[in-house]
Every structure is written in structure tokens, then in C-alpha cells.
Amino acid sequence: MNIAVTGGMGSGKSFVAEALSKMIGAESISADLVCRDLLEVGNSGYKRMRKKFSADFFLVDGQLNRPFLRKAIFTSATLRSQLDALLHPLVREELLLRCKDAKTKALNLVVEVPLLLEKGWQGDFDATLVVYADDEICLKRIIDRDMVSVDDARASISCQMPLTEKCKLGDWGIDNSGSFDESLKQLEQLVEKIAQKVILKRKRK
């Protein structure tokens, strides 16, 4: 199966995606890391940005000014839309290639895609797992992780679909508000459901 893991900022998607991939012996890939690679000097995403964005977004040595870009994204909806239009087709293309390769090799694949539901890409995968947590917990995690202000953290969260809406659109959900052990117990139960789904799929064939 190709399983997409999504959720809001600070919900703990990366932890859950990594744990799930280990439990089911799957390969894993992150859309954020794919995007980051695309923006390395000389790669396709970087070249597109060079053509469309001003010199303010780049350092003297030509590298992307990532802190400047991050702040700009969360303060300008227009700029965020422009960047999405440039990069998301490239990211999706790479993810689809990885999914196709996994199917060919009969491997399980876990793909972390933060904006999966906002972009309507859930149909690219066999199932969607939504990771969620209490709002205040997500907020604190973002502040601690990114060392940003409360206002900046709230602005980041506001750019995404509310977690309550994401949960309605997913096949499965994991409440990551508590300890890692509590989340792992939920994942163990989920792995059983995944196994049942795989068995049913094979029987239909």
C-alpha cells in the first residue's frame, strides 16, 4: 500500500510517519524533504524561483534565503500561492514516481504530505492517515521547534485546513496529543487494520 500521512503543523506527523513505516516495514518519503531538495541550487524548483522571484530571496552566494522565504510565505497569501504554483506540480510528480516504483516492487510506502488534503491529492494514495493534536499542544510544539513567537506560530497554523476538517477526510486518525507511547499503541491497532485491508484487497484480486 501507498499510505499518505498528513495533519496540521505541530501535530507530530513526522514522528507518526516514521513509526508507521518501521512497523509495517515500509519505505518512507517526505514531501517537505522533496521540496527542500528541489530548491537546492541548480535543481528544477530553484531554477523556477530564480526566474520568478526577486534577489531578496537569495543569499550573496546564490543559495536560497530560507528564513526570509519562510517568513514571507506566512505573511503574504499572494506570494504563498505563487510559490505553491511553482513547486507543487514538481513535488507531486516526484511523489507519484515514488508511488509507482513502490507498486512495481510490491513494497509498502509511507508518504508524509502536510498539504495533502488542501491540495486534493488524497486520490494519489491507497489510504490517508490524519495525525492530530490539541490546538495548544500544536502551538507549543511549533514555538519550541521553530523558535518563533506565538503570533508567528498562530499565523503558520492559520494557513492550513483546520484539523477537525482534515480528520473528516482521512481514512484513519491518530491522536498525538499525549505521550509517544500512547501514540504508538494507537499505531499498533492501526497496523492490524492496515493488514486486514491488504488481505481484503488481495482476495478481491
Protein backbone atom coordinates (compact mmCIF):
# COMPACT_ATOMS: atom_id res chain seq x y z
CA MET A 1 0.00 0.00 0.00
CA ASN A 2 0.93 3.62 -0.54
CA ILE A 3 -0.19 5.41 2.64
CA ALA A 4 -0.23 9.19 2.95
CA VAL A 5 0.31 10.71 6.41
CA THR A 6 -0.93 14.25 6.90
CA GLY A 7 -2.08 16.61 9.65
CA GLY A 8 -1.58 20.13 10.92
CA MET A 9 1.60 21.91 11.91
CA GLY A 10 2.84 20.72 15.28
CA SER A 11 0.64 17.63 15.26
CA GLY A 12 3.63 15.28 15.07
CA LYS A 13 3.22 13.96 11.54
CA SER A 14 6.90 13.13 11.12
CA PHE A 15 7.06 11.02 14.29
CA VAL A 16 3.94 9.07 13.33
CA ALA A 17 5.05 8.59 9.70
CA GLU A 18 8.46 7.30 10.78
CA ALA A 19 6.98 4.97 13.41
CA LEU A 20 4.37 3.61 11.00
CA SER A 21 6.93 2.94 8.27
CA LYS A 22 9.03 0.91 10.72
CA MET A 23 6.04 -1.06 11.99
CA ILE A 24 4.93 -2.18 8.52
CA GLY A 25 8.40 -2.42 7.01
CA ALA A 26 7.72 0.34 4.53
CA GLU A 27 9.91 2.77 2.68
CA SER A 28 9.21 6.39 3.57
CA ILE A 29 9.41 9.78 1.91
CA SER A 30 8.57 13.33 2.99
CA ALA A 31 7.06 15.91 0.66
CA ASP A 32 8.87 18.62 2.63
CA LEU A 33 12.23 16.96 2.01
CA VAL A 34 11.39 16.55 -1.68
CA CYS A 35 10.57 20.26 -1.82
CA ARG A 36 13.76 21.14 0.01
CA ASP A 37 15.79 19.14 -2.49
CA LEU A 38 14.03 20.84 -5.41
CA LEU A 39 15.16 24.21 -4.02
CA GLU A 40 18.85 23.29 -3.88
CA VAL A 41 21.00 25.35 -6.24
CA GLY A 42 20.68 24.07 -9.80
CA ASN A 43 17.59 21.92 -9.25
CA SER A 44 14.29 22.49 -11.03
CA GLY A 45 12.50 24.28 -8.18
CA TYR A 46 15.43 26.60 -7.61
CA LYS A 47 15.58 27.50 -11.30
CA ARG A 48 11.88 28.34 -11.32
CA MET A 49 12.26 30.57 -8.29
CA ARG A 50 15.24 32.37 -9.81
CA LYS A 51 13.11 33.32 -12.78
CA LYS A 52 10.06 34.48 -10.82
CA PHE A 53 11.34 35.90 -7.50
CA SER A 54 13.48 38.91 -6.64
CA ALA A 55 17.08 38.85 -5.40
CA ASP A 56 15.80 39.38 -1.83
CA PHE A 57 15.02 35.67 -1.68
CA PHE A 58 18.62 34.65 -2.32
CA LEU A 59 21.87 34.99 -0.41
CA VAL A 60 25.05 36.51 -1.82
CA ASP A 61 26.40 33.06 -2.70
CA GLY A 62 23.23 32.22 -4.64
CA GLN A 63 21.71 29.94 -2.03
CA LEU A 64 18.05 30.34 -1.20
CA ASN A 65 17.44 32.58 1.81
CA ARG A 66 15.20 30.07 3.58
CA PRO A 67 14.47 32.11 6.77
CA PHE A 68 13.41 35.09 4.63
CA LEU A 69 11.27 32.86 2.42
CA ARG A 70 9.61 31.18 5.40
CA LYS A 71 8.60 34.49 6.94
CA ALA A 72 7.38 35.84 3.60
CA ILE A 73 5.22 32.77 2.99
CA PHE A 74 3.29 33.22 6.21
CA THR A 75 2.79 36.96 5.81
CA SER A 76 1.74 37.07 2.15
CA ALA A 77 -1.01 34.83 0.82
CA THR A 78 -0.24 36.04 -2.72
CA LEU A 79 3.41 35.03 -2.50
CA ARG A 80 2.46 31.71 -0.94
CA SER A 81 0.11 30.98 -3.86
CA GLN A 82 2.82 31.89 -6.38
CA LEU A 83 5.33 29.59 -4.72
CA ASP A 84 2.81 26.76 -4.50
CA ALA A 85 2.06 27.10 -8.20
CA LEU A 86 5.76 26.81 -8.98
CA LEU A 87 6.72 23.95 -6.71
CA HIS A 88 3.72 21.74 -6.01
CA PRO A 89 3.48 20.23 -9.52
CA LEU A 90 7.14 19.22 -9.22
CA VAL A 91 6.63 17.76 -5.74
CA ARG A 92 3.56 15.81 -6.81
CA GLU A 93 5.35 14.46 -9.87
CA GLU A 94 8.18 13.10 -7.69
CA LEU A 95 5.77 11.57 -5.16
CA LEU A 96 3.80 9.84 -7.91
CA LEU A 97 7.00 8.42 -9.35
CA ARG A 98 7.96 7.04 -5.94
CA CYS A 99 4.47 5.53 -5.50
CA LYS A 100 4.64 3.91 -8.93
CA ASP A 101 8.08 2.50 -8.17
CA ALA A 102 6.87 1.07 -4.85
CA LYS A 103 3.92 -0.61 -6.58
CA THR A 104 6.21 -2.11 -9.19
CA LYS A 105 8.45 -3.54 -6.47
CA ALA A 106 5.44 -4.67 -4.36
CA LEU A 107 6.60 -2.52 -1.44
CA ASN A 108 4.69 -0.55 1.16
CA LEU A 109 5.34 3.19 1.08
CA VAL A 110 4.56 5.82 3.73
CA VAL A 111 4.49 9.37 2.39
CA GLU A 112 4.31 12.41 4.67
CA VAL A 113 2.38 15.16 2.86
CA PRO A 114 1.45 18.19 5.04
CA LEU A 115 -0.88 19.81 2.49
CA LEU A 116 -2.33 16.60 1.08
CA LEU A 117 -5.97 17.47 1.77
CA GLU A 118 -5.63 21.18 0.97
CA LYS A 119 -4.36 20.21 -2.48
CA GLY A 120 -6.77 17.33 -3.00
CA TRP A 121 -4.02 14.77 -3.58
CA GLN A 122 -5.51 12.05 -1.39
CA GLY A 123 -6.63 10.17 -4.51
CA ASP A 124 -2.97 9.57 -5.35
CA PHE A 125 -2.70 7.14 -2.42
CA ASP A 126 -4.39 3.96 -1.22
CA ALA A 127 -5.22 5.42 2.20
CA THR A 128 -4.81 8.59 4.26
CA LEU A 129 -3.81 8.81 7.90
CA VAL A 130 -4.52 12.12 9.66
CA VAL A 131 -2.37 12.97 12.70
CA TYR A 132 -3.95 15.47 15.08
CA ALA A 133 -3.36 17.02 18.50
CA ASP A 134 -4.91 19.66 20.75
CA ASP A 135 -4.52 23.21 19.43
CA GLU A 136 -2.45 24.46 22.36
CA ILE A 137 -0.13 21.47 22.15
CA CYS A 138 0.44 22.07 18.43
CA LEU A 139 1.11 25.75 19.14
CA LYS A 140 3.70 24.98 21.82
CA ARG A 141 5.45 22.42 19.62
CA ILE A 142 5.79 24.93 16.78
CA ILE A 143 7.16 27.63 19.12
CA ASP A 144 9.68 25.22 20.67
CA ARG A 145 10.71 23.63 17.38
CA ASP A 146 10.99 26.71 15.18
CA MET A 147 11.83 29.22 17.93
CA VAL A 148 9.15 31.63 16.72
CA SER A 149 6.73 33.93 18.51
CA VAL A 150 3.19 32.94 19.46
CA ASP A 151 1.82 35.22 16.74
CA ASP A 152 4.06 33.68 14.08
CA ALA A 153 3.08 30.20 15.20
CA ARG A 154 -0.61 31.06 15.03
CA ALA A 155 -0.11 32.57 11.57
CA SER A 156 1.51 29.34 10.40
CA ILE A 157 -1.38 27.25 11.69
CA SER A 158 -3.98 29.55 10.12
CA CYS A 159 -2.55 28.87 6.65
CA GLN A 160 -3.71 25.26 6.78
CA MET A 161 -7.04 23.50 6.81
CA PRO A 162 -8.40 23.07 10.38
CA LEU A 163 -7.54 19.70 11.89
CA THR A 164 -11.22 18.98 12.54
CA GLU A 165 -11.86 19.18 8.79
CA LYS A 166 -8.82 17.07 7.94
CA CYS A 167 -9.97 14.32 10.29
CA LYS A 168 -13.27 14.07 8.44
CA LEU A 169 -11.46 13.48 5.15
CA GLY A 170 -8.96 10.85 6.30
CA ASP A 171 -9.37 7.08 6.37
CA TRP A 172 -7.72 6.81 9.78
CA GLY A 173 -6.70 9.14 12.60
CA ILE A 174 -4.07 9.20 15.32
CA ASP A 175 -4.43 11.47 18.36
CA ASN A 176 -0.87 12.60 19.04
CA SER A 177 -1.72 14.91 21.96
CA GLY A 178 -0.26 12.60 24.58
CA SER A 179 2.98 10.70 25.02
CA PHE A 180 4.85 8.87 22.28
CA ASP A 181 3.91 5.57 23.93
CA GLU A 182 0.21 6.44 23.72
CA SER A 183 0.57 7.24 20.03
CA LEU A 184 2.49 4.01 19.39
CA LYS A 185 -0.32 1.99 20.98
CA GLN A 186 -2.79 3.61 18.57
CA LEU A 187 -0.45 2.82 15.68
CA GLU A 188 -0.25 -0.83 16.71
CA GLN A 189 -4.03 -1.05 16.46
CA LEU A 190 -3.92 0.74 13.11
CA VAL A 191 -1.36 -1.71 11.72
CA GLU A 192 -3.87 -4.50 12.34
CA LYS A 193 -6.48 -2.58 10.30
CA ILE A 194 -3.96 -2.00 7.51
CA ALA A 195 -3.16 -5.71 7.42
CA GLN A 196 -6.88 -6.54 7.16
CA LYS A 197 -7.30 -4.06 4.32
CA VAL A 198 -4.36 -5.56 2.42
CA ILE A 199 -5.79 -9.08 2.87
CA LEU A 200 -9.22 -7.99 1.59
CA LYS A 201 -7.62 -6.27 -1.38
CA ARG A 202 -5.71 -9.43 -2.29
CA LYS A 203 -8.86 -11.57 -2.01
CA ARG A 204 -10.73 -9.28 -4.43
CA LYS A 205 -7.96 -9.82 -6.97
